[in-house]
Protein backbone atom coordinates (compact mmCIF):
# COMPACT_ATOMS: atom_id res chain seq x y z
CA UNK A 1 -24.70 -84.04 110.63
CA UNK A 2 -24.11 -86.60 108.53
CA UNK A 3 -20.81 -87.86 110.04
CA UNK A 4 -23.10 -88.90 113.28
CA UNK A 5 -25.33 -90.54 111.59
CA UNK A 6 -22.39 -92.29 109.67
CA UNK A 7 -21.35 -93.48 113.21
CA UNK A 8 -25.13 -93.73 114.01
CA UNK A 9 -25.49 -96.35 111.54
CA UNK A 10 -22.34 -98.20 111.73
CA UNK A 11 -22.73 -98.49 115.25
CA UNK A 12 -26.41 -100.54 114.85
CA UNK A 13 -24.42 -102.68 112.17
CA UNK A 14 -21.79 -104.25 114.73
CA UNK A 15 -24.11 -104.59 117.08
CA UNK A 16 -25.85 -106.72 114.31
CA UNK A 17 -23.77 -108.73 113.38
CA UNK A 18 -22.60 -109.08 117.68
CA UNK A 19 -25.80 -110.79 117.79
CA UNK A 20 -25.34 -112.76 115.28
CA UNK A 21 -22.60 -114.08 115.98
CA UNK A 22 -22.99 -114.62 119.69
CA UNK A 23 -26.62 -116.11 119.18
CA UNK A 24 -24.41 -118.77 117.04
CA UNK A 25 -20.92 -120.06 118.64
CA UNK A 26 -20.10 -120.98 121.55
CA UNK A 27 -20.91 -125.17 123.04
CA UNK A 28 -23.61 -125.23 120.42
CA UNK A 29 -22.85 -124.16 116.36
CA UNK A 30 -25.78 -123.77 113.92
CA UNK A 31 -25.37 -121.48 110.15
CA UNK A 32 -27.27 -118.17 110.88
CA UNK A 33 -29.76 -119.65 107.52
CA UNK A 34 -29.84 -123.34 109.82
CA UNK A 35 -31.16 -120.70 112.63
CA UNK A 36 -33.34 -118.29 111.23
CA UNK A 37 -34.62 -121.28 109.51
CA UNK A 38 -36.06 -123.32 113.00
CA UNK A 39 -36.61 -120.11 114.92
CA UNK A 40 -39.20 -118.98 111.89
CA UNK A 41 -40.51 -122.58 110.92
CA UNK A 42 -39.00 -125.53 114.24
CA UNK A 43 -38.12 -128.35 112.63
CA UNK A 44 -34.69 -127.68 114.64
CA UNK A 45 -33.15 -129.25 118.07
CA UNK A 46 -30.19 -126.86 117.92
CA UNK A 47 -32.25 -123.61 117.05
CA UNK A 48 -35.06 -124.78 120.14
CA UNK A 49 -31.87 -124.98 122.37
CA UNK A 50 -30.69 -121.77 121.67
CA UNK A 51 -34.26 -119.87 122.46
CA UNK A 52 -33.90 -121.03 125.20
CA UNK A 53 -31.25 -120.69 126.16
CA UNK A 54 -28.85 -118.65 124.47
CA UNK A 55 -31.31 -116.48 122.97
CA UNK A 56 -32.99 -114.58 126.76
CA UNK A 57 -29.07 -114.88 127.89
CA UNK A 58 -27.98 -112.09 124.83
CA UNK A 59 -31.56 -110.18 125.54
CA UNK A 60 -30.33 -109.89 129.48
CA UNK A 61 -26.84 -108.66 128.62
CA UNK A 62 -27.78 -106.01 125.60
CA UNK A 63 -30.40 -104.25 128.00
CA UNK A 64 -28.72 -104.24 131.09
CA UNK A 65 -25.54 -102.83 128.75
CA UNK A 66 -27.98 -99.99 126.69
CA UNK A 67 -29.36 -99.92 130.45
CA UNK A 68 -25.77 -98.63 132.25
CA UNK A 69 -24.56 -97.11 129.70
CA UNK A 70 -27.60 -94.12 129.34
CA UNK A 71 -27.11 -94.53 133.88
CA UNK A 72 -23.58 -92.92 133.16
CA UNK A 73 -24.16 -90.78 131.08
CA UNK A 74 -27.22 -89.22 133.04
CA UNK A 75 -25.38 -89.33 136.58
CA UNK A 76 -22.96 -87.96 134.66
CA UNK A 77 -24.57 -85.56 133.52
CA UNK A 78 -25.94 -84.58 137.21
CA UNK A 79 -22.69 -83.13 138.99
CA UNK A 80 -20.10 -82.87 135.94
CA UNK A 81 -17.97 -85.31 136.42
CA UNK A 82 -16.78 -87.85 134.33
CA UNK A 83 -16.28 -90.00 136.92
CA UNK A 84 -19.66 -91.23 138.03
CA UNK A 85 -20.67 -95.16 137.48
CA UNK A 86 -23.21 -96.26 138.83
CA UNK A 87 -21.03 -99.49 139.27
CA UNK A 88 -18.55 -97.61 140.60
CA UNK A 89 -20.41 -94.92 143.71
CA UNK A 90 -22.60 -98.00 144.63
CA UNK A 91 -25.62 -97.24 142.95
CA UNK A 92 -25.25 -100.77 141.49
CA UNK A 93 -24.39 -102.65 144.54
CA UNK A 94 -26.89 -100.75 147.25
CA UNK A 95 -28.92 -102.21 144.92
CA UNK A 96 -28.54 -105.44 144.50
CA UNK A 97 -27.76 -105.45 148.62
CA UNK A 98 -31.26 -104.28 149.10
CA UNK A 99 -33.29 -106.51 146.50
CA UNK A 100 -31.42 -109.34 147.93
CA UNK A 101 -32.52 -107.82 151.91
CA UNK A 102 -36.03 -108.31 150.30
CA UNK A 103 -36.16 -110.98 149.04
CA UNK A 104 -34.96 -113.07 151.53
CA UNK A 105 -37.90 -111.49 154.00
CA UNK A 106 -40.34 -111.82 151.63
CA UNK A 107 -39.58 -114.02 148.65
CA UNK A 108 -43.01 -114.15 147.42
CA UNK A 109 -42.86 -110.79 145.83
CA UNK A 110 -39.79 -111.74 143.52
CA UNK A 111 -41.43 -109.73 140.65
CA UNK A 112 -40.95 -106.54 142.65
CA UNK A 113 -37.60 -107.51 143.20
CA UNK A 114 -36.56 -103.77 140.27
CA UNK A 115 -38.92 -101.65 142.45
CA UNK A 116 -36.74 -103.25 145.82
CA UNK A 117 -33.70 -102.14 143.79
CA UNK A 118 -34.42 -99.05 143.19
CA UNK A 119 -35.01 -98.02 146.38
CA UNK A 120 -31.60 -99.87 147.63
CA UNK A 121 -30.37 -97.53 144.75
CA UNK A 122 -31.66 -94.85 145.65
CA UNK A 123 -30.71 -94.37 149.14
CA UNK A 124 -26.77 -95.32 148.21
CA UNK A 125 -26.57 -93.20 146.25
CA UNK A 126 -27.58 -90.66 148.48
CA UNK A 127 -25.60 -91.26 150.91
CA UNK A 128 -22.11 -91.45 148.94
CA UNK A 129 -23.66 -87.68 147.84
CA UNK A 130 -24.27 -86.72 151.35
CA UNK A 131 -20.86 -88.39 152.61
CA UNK A 132 -19.07 -85.98 149.56
CA UNK A 133 -20.84 -82.82 150.44
CA UNK A 134 -18.17 -80.57 152.11
CA UNK A 135 -19.03 -77.03 151.50
CA UNK A 136 -19.56 -77.49 148.10
CA UNK A 137 -19.35 -81.02 146.33
CA UNK A 138 -15.79 -82.43 144.73
CA UNK A 139 -15.57 -84.71 141.80
CA UNK A 140 -12.95 -86.45 143.28
CA UNK A 141 -13.96 -86.99 145.90
CA UNK A 142 -17.58 -88.26 145.47
CA UNK A 143 -15.94 -91.12 143.74
CA UNK A 144 -13.61 -91.98 146.69
CA UNK A 145 -16.29 -91.95 148.76
CA UNK A 146 -18.02 -93.67 145.90
CA UNK A 147 -15.92 -96.59 145.56
CA UNK A 148 -15.40 -96.77 149.75
CA UNK A 149 -19.16 -97.41 150.15
CA UNK A 150 -19.50 -99.30 146.72
CA UNK A 151 -16.87 -102.16 148.35
CA UNK A 152 -19.50 -101.87 151.71
CA UNK A 153 -21.94 -102.82 150.33
CA UNK A 154 -20.63 -105.50 148.04
CA UNK A 155 -18.72 -107.20 151.42
CA UNK A 156 -22.31 -106.57 153.12
CA UNK A 157 -23.59 -108.49 149.30
CA UNK A 158 -21.96 -111.61 149.74
CA UNK A 159 -21.98 -111.75 153.18
CA UNK A 160 -26.75 -112.17 153.16
CA UNK A 161 -25.62 -114.24 150.13
CA UNK A 162 -23.14 -116.39 152.53
CA UNK A 163 -26.31 -116.53 155.29
CA UNK A 164 -28.37 -116.44 153.41
CA UNK A 165 -32.51 -118.93 153.53
CA UNK A 166 -32.28 -120.99 150.57
CA UNK A 167 -35.61 -118.50 149.19
CA UNK A 168 -32.54 -116.05 149.34
CA UNK A 169 -29.39 -117.71 148.01
CA UNK A 170 -32.33 -118.72 144.91
CA UNK A 171 -31.93 -115.24 144.28
CA UNK A 172 -29.21 -115.65 141.44
CA UNK A 173 -30.32 -112.44 139.48
CA UNK A 174 -29.14 -110.00 142.55
CA UNK A 175 -25.56 -111.54 142.45
CA UNK A 176 -24.91 -113.06 139.23
CA UNK A 177 -21.49 -112.30 137.35
CA UNK A 178 -22.56 -114.03 133.87
CA UNK A 179 -25.17 -114.44 132.10
CA UNK A 180 -25.45 -117.71 132.00
CA UNK A 181 -29.03 -118.46 133.31
CA UNK A 182 -31.63 -115.74 132.04
CA UNK A 183 -34.71 -116.76 131.12
CA UNK A 184 -38.17 -115.39 129.26
CA UNK A 185 -39.38 -114.51 132.15
CA UNK A 186 -35.48 -112.79 133.00
CA UNK A 187 -35.54 -110.52 129.95
CA UNK A 188 -39.60 -109.46 130.51
CA UNK A 189 -38.25 -107.58 133.94
CA UNK A 190 -35.74 -106.12 132.55
CA UNK A 191 -38.05 -104.70 129.34
CA UNK A 192 -40.03 -104.08 130.87
CA UNK A 193 -38.45 -101.61 133.86
CA UNK A 194 -35.57 -100.55 131.08
CA UNK A 195 -37.87 -99.26 128.60
CA UNK A 196 -39.11 -97.18 130.74
CA UNK A 197 -36.22 -96.06 132.08
CA UNK A 198 -34.49 -95.63 128.86
CA UNK A 199 -37.86 -93.30 127.29
CA UNK A 200 -37.26 -90.87 130.35
CA UNK A 201 -34.19 -90.48 130.31
CA UNK A 202 -34.60 -90.10 126.77
CA UNK A 203 -37.41 -87.17 127.24
CA UNK A 204 -35.43 -85.38 129.69
CA UNK A 205 -32.36 -85.35 127.54
CA UNK A 206 -32.86 -80.94 126.91
CA UNK A 207 -32.96 -80.78 131.05
CA UNK A 208 -29.16 -82.32 130.39
CA UNK A 209 -28.24 -79.97 128.38
CA UNK A 210 -27.97 -77.35 130.76
CA UNK A 211 -26.76 -78.95 133.16
CA UNK A 212 -24.11 -78.90 131.82
CA UNK A 213 -23.97 -74.76 132.70
CA UNK A 214 -23.32 -73.56 135.33
CA UNK A 215 -26.23 -73.58 137.40
CA UNK A 216 -27.10 -70.01 136.60
CA UNK A 217 -26.78 -69.84 133.12
CA UNK A 218 -29.04 -72.71 133.53
CA UNK A 219 -31.55 -71.00 136.10
CA UNK A 220 -30.97 -67.72 133.64
CA UNK A 221 -32.72 -70.06 130.68
CA UNK A 222 -35.93 -71.36 133.86
CA UNK A 223 -34.49 -74.68 134.59
CA UNK A 224 -35.06 -75.17 138.02
CA UNK A 225 -31.73 -76.64 138.98
CA UNK A 226 -32.15 -79.05 142.06
CA UNK A 227 -35.63 -80.95 140.62
CA UNK A 228 -33.40 -81.69 137.49
CA UNK A 229 -30.46 -82.76 138.88
CA UNK A 230 -33.34 -84.96 141.29
CA UNK A 231 -35.23 -85.96 138.29
CA UNK A 232 -32.58 -87.30 135.98
CA UNK A 233 -30.84 -89.29 139.72
CA UNK A 234 -34.60 -90.55 139.51
CA UNK A 235 -34.15 -92.44 136.90
CA UNK A 236 -30.01 -92.67 136.88
CA UNK A 237 -31.13 -94.47 139.54
CA UNK A 238 -34.28 -97.17 138.00
CA UNK A 239 -32.04 -97.96 134.91
CA UNK A 240 -29.55 -98.49 137.30
CA UNK A 241 -32.12 -100.99 139.03
CA UNK A 242 -33.02 -102.85 136.21
CA UNK A 243 -30.04 -103.56 135.22
CA UNK A 244 -28.39 -105.06 139.29
CA UNK A 245 -31.81 -106.39 139.85
CA UNK A 246 -31.76 -109.16 136.50
CA UNK A 247 -28.20 -108.90 135.48
CA UNK A 248 -26.26 -108.77 138.31
CA UNK A 249 -22.90 -106.23 138.97
CA UNK A 250 -22.02 -105.23 136.32
CA UNK A 251 -18.95 -101.56 137.25
CA UNK A 252 -17.29 -99.29 134.24
CA UNK A 253 -19.96 -99.62 131.90
CA UNK A 254 -21.13 -96.50 132.02
CA UNK A 255 -17.34 -95.06 132.59
CA UNK A 256 -16.35 -96.60 129.65
CA UNK A 257 -19.58 -95.84 126.95
CA UNK A 258 -20.65 -92.32 127.24
CA UNK A 259 -16.97 -90.23 126.86
CA UNK A 260 -17.06 -92.65 123.44
CA UNK A 261 -20.05 -90.77 122.71
CA UNK A 262 -19.40 -87.63 123.12
CA UNK A 263 -15.61 -89.02 120.51
CA UNK A 264 -18.56 -89.55 118.22
CA UNK A 265 -21.94 -87.71 118.20
CA UNK A 266 -20.97 -84.45 120.54
CA UNK A 267 -21.81 -83.53 123.77
CA UNK A 268 -25.59 -83.09 122.92
CA UNK A 269 -28.29 -85.30 124.87
CA UNK A 270 -30.52 -86.47 122.41
CA UNK A 271 -28.15 -88.36 120.03
CA UNK A 272 -25.90 -88.76 123.45
CA UNK A 273 -28.16 -91.21 124.98
CA UNK A 274 -29.34 -93.03 122.02
CA UNK A 275 -25.28 -93.49 121.08
CA UNK A 276 -24.47 -94.75 124.41
CA UNK A 277 -28.53 -96.85 124.22
CA UNK A 278 -26.22 -99.63 121.76
CA UNK A 279 -22.42 -98.51 122.57
CA UNK A 280 -23.35 -99.72 125.57
CA UNK A 281 -25.63 -102.45 124.35
CA UNK A 282 -22.66 -103.74 122.58
CA UNK A 283 -19.68 -104.21 124.78
CA UNK A 284 -21.37 -106.12 127.08
CA UNK A 285 -23.06 -107.95 124.78
CA UNK A 286 -19.19 -108.82 123.87
CA UNK A 287 -17.58 -108.67 127.27
CA UNK A 288 -20.79 -111.93 127.22
CA UNK A 289 -19.91 -113.38 124.41
CA UNK A 290 -16.29 -113.43 124.46
CA UNK A 291 -15.91 -115.09 127.88
CA UNK A 292 -18.45 -117.63 127.32
CA UNK A 293 -16.05 -118.61 123.99
CA UNK A 294 -12.98 -117.70 124.98
CA UNK A 295 -12.02 -120.51 127.05
CA UNK A 296 -14.68 -122.66 126.74
CA UNK A 297 -15.53 -125.12 128.68
CA UNK A 298 -15.19 -122.04 131.17
CA UNK A 299 -17.04 -119.75 131.83
CA UNK A 300 -15.35 -116.07 132.26
CA UNK A 301 -18.44 -114.18 133.92
CA UNK A 302 -19.23 -110.07 131.97
CA UNK A 303 -18.16 -108.77 135.10
CA UNK A 304 -14.35 -110.11 135.38
CA UNK A 305 -13.42 -109.12 131.72
CA UNK A 306 -15.29 -105.34 132.39
CA UNK A 307 -13.22 -105.26 135.08
CA UNK A 308 -9.86 -106.39 133.62
CA UNK A 309 -10.57 -103.83 131.31
CA UNK A 310 -12.36 -100.28 133.80
CA UNK A 311 -10.11 -100.73 135.74
CA UNK A 312 -7.31 -99.05 134.04
CA UNK A 313 -9.72 -96.88 132.08
CA UNK A 314 -10.68 -95.53 135.75
CA UNK A 315 -6.87 -95.36 136.82
CA UNK A 316 -6.58 -92.44 133.75
CA UNK A 317 -9.58 -90.63 134.19
CA UNK A 318 -8.44 -90.04 138.37
CA UNK A 319 -5.59 -89.13 136.65
CA UNK A 320 -7.35 -86.72 134.04
CA UNK A 321 -9.45 -85.48 136.50
CA UNK A 322 -6.73 -84.50 138.93
CA UNK A 323 -4.91 -82.27 136.66
CA UNK A 324 -8.07 -80.68 134.98
CA UNK A 325 -9.97 -79.88 138.37
CA UNK A 326 -5.33 -79.68 140.22
CA UNK A 327 -6.81 -81.65 143.01
C-alpha cells in the first residue's frame, strides 16, 4: 500500500508543478508570486490576461486529459483489450461529427453540445462493436475496424467543417486541435460533464474489476455481465464525448495512460482510475504547454504532439497483442 501512496503523492506534486509551469510560461512570462498576488488581489495586467486567456485552456486541457484517460481505462475493461481508446477506435470522431452536424442544424442549442457528442460517440461505438463481431470479438479486429471507422468519421467531420455555413464553422471546440481559444464558459461545460463522468466511472470500479475476469466467473459472483458492459461503456462514451465536444479531437491519451497506471498502482480499478485521471491530466497539460512554448510564437497543436507519441506506442502494443493472441 505504501508504494502506490508514494506514487500518487509524486504524481500530484508533478501535476501541481506542471500547472505552475503552464500558468507562468508562454508569450507572457510572470513569476508565480506575482501571478498569485494578481489573481487574489488584482492590480496586475499580466495576471488579468493570464486569467482570461491562459487559465481556461489549462483547466480544459487538464479535464480533457483526465476524461480521456479514464475513458480509455473503462473501454479496456469492457473489451479486455489494452488497445481500446476512444480516440483510436472512432468514439471521439463520432462524437465530434454528430455534435458538429447538430449544431450546424440547430445553432441555438450550443450548450447541448456534450449531449449531442454523447449520442454520436455511442453510435460510433456500436458501429465499431457490430463490425468487429464475427463469432466472437477479436481484440485485433476491433482495433483495426475502429481505426478504419475513425479515419472515415474524421474525414466526414473535416468535410462538414469545410462545407459548413457560419454557424457550423463557428463551432471551434468540436474541430479544434488546440486549446488556444478556450473560455471560462468552456471550462464550466467540461467541468460539469467531466465531473459527472468521472464520478460515475469511480462508482463502476468494482464492476471493472469483475469484467477483467472470465464471464462465467463474473456471473458466478453475481454480476450481470451484459448490463455492466453496457453501463461502463456508456460512462466511457460520456467522458470521451465531453472531452471531444470542448477540447477537440485528441487521440492516444486513453492508450498511453492506463498501462502506466497499471504498472504504478496495479490492476485494481479503485486505484487505477484515480491514478489514470491524474496522469492523463498531466500528460495533456504537458503536451499543450510544450506545443505553445517549443517553437513560440508558432503553436504546435497538442493533438499533433500526442499523435507523434502515440503512433509508435500503438504499433508496439499491436505487435505485443499479436504475440499474446496468436494472430
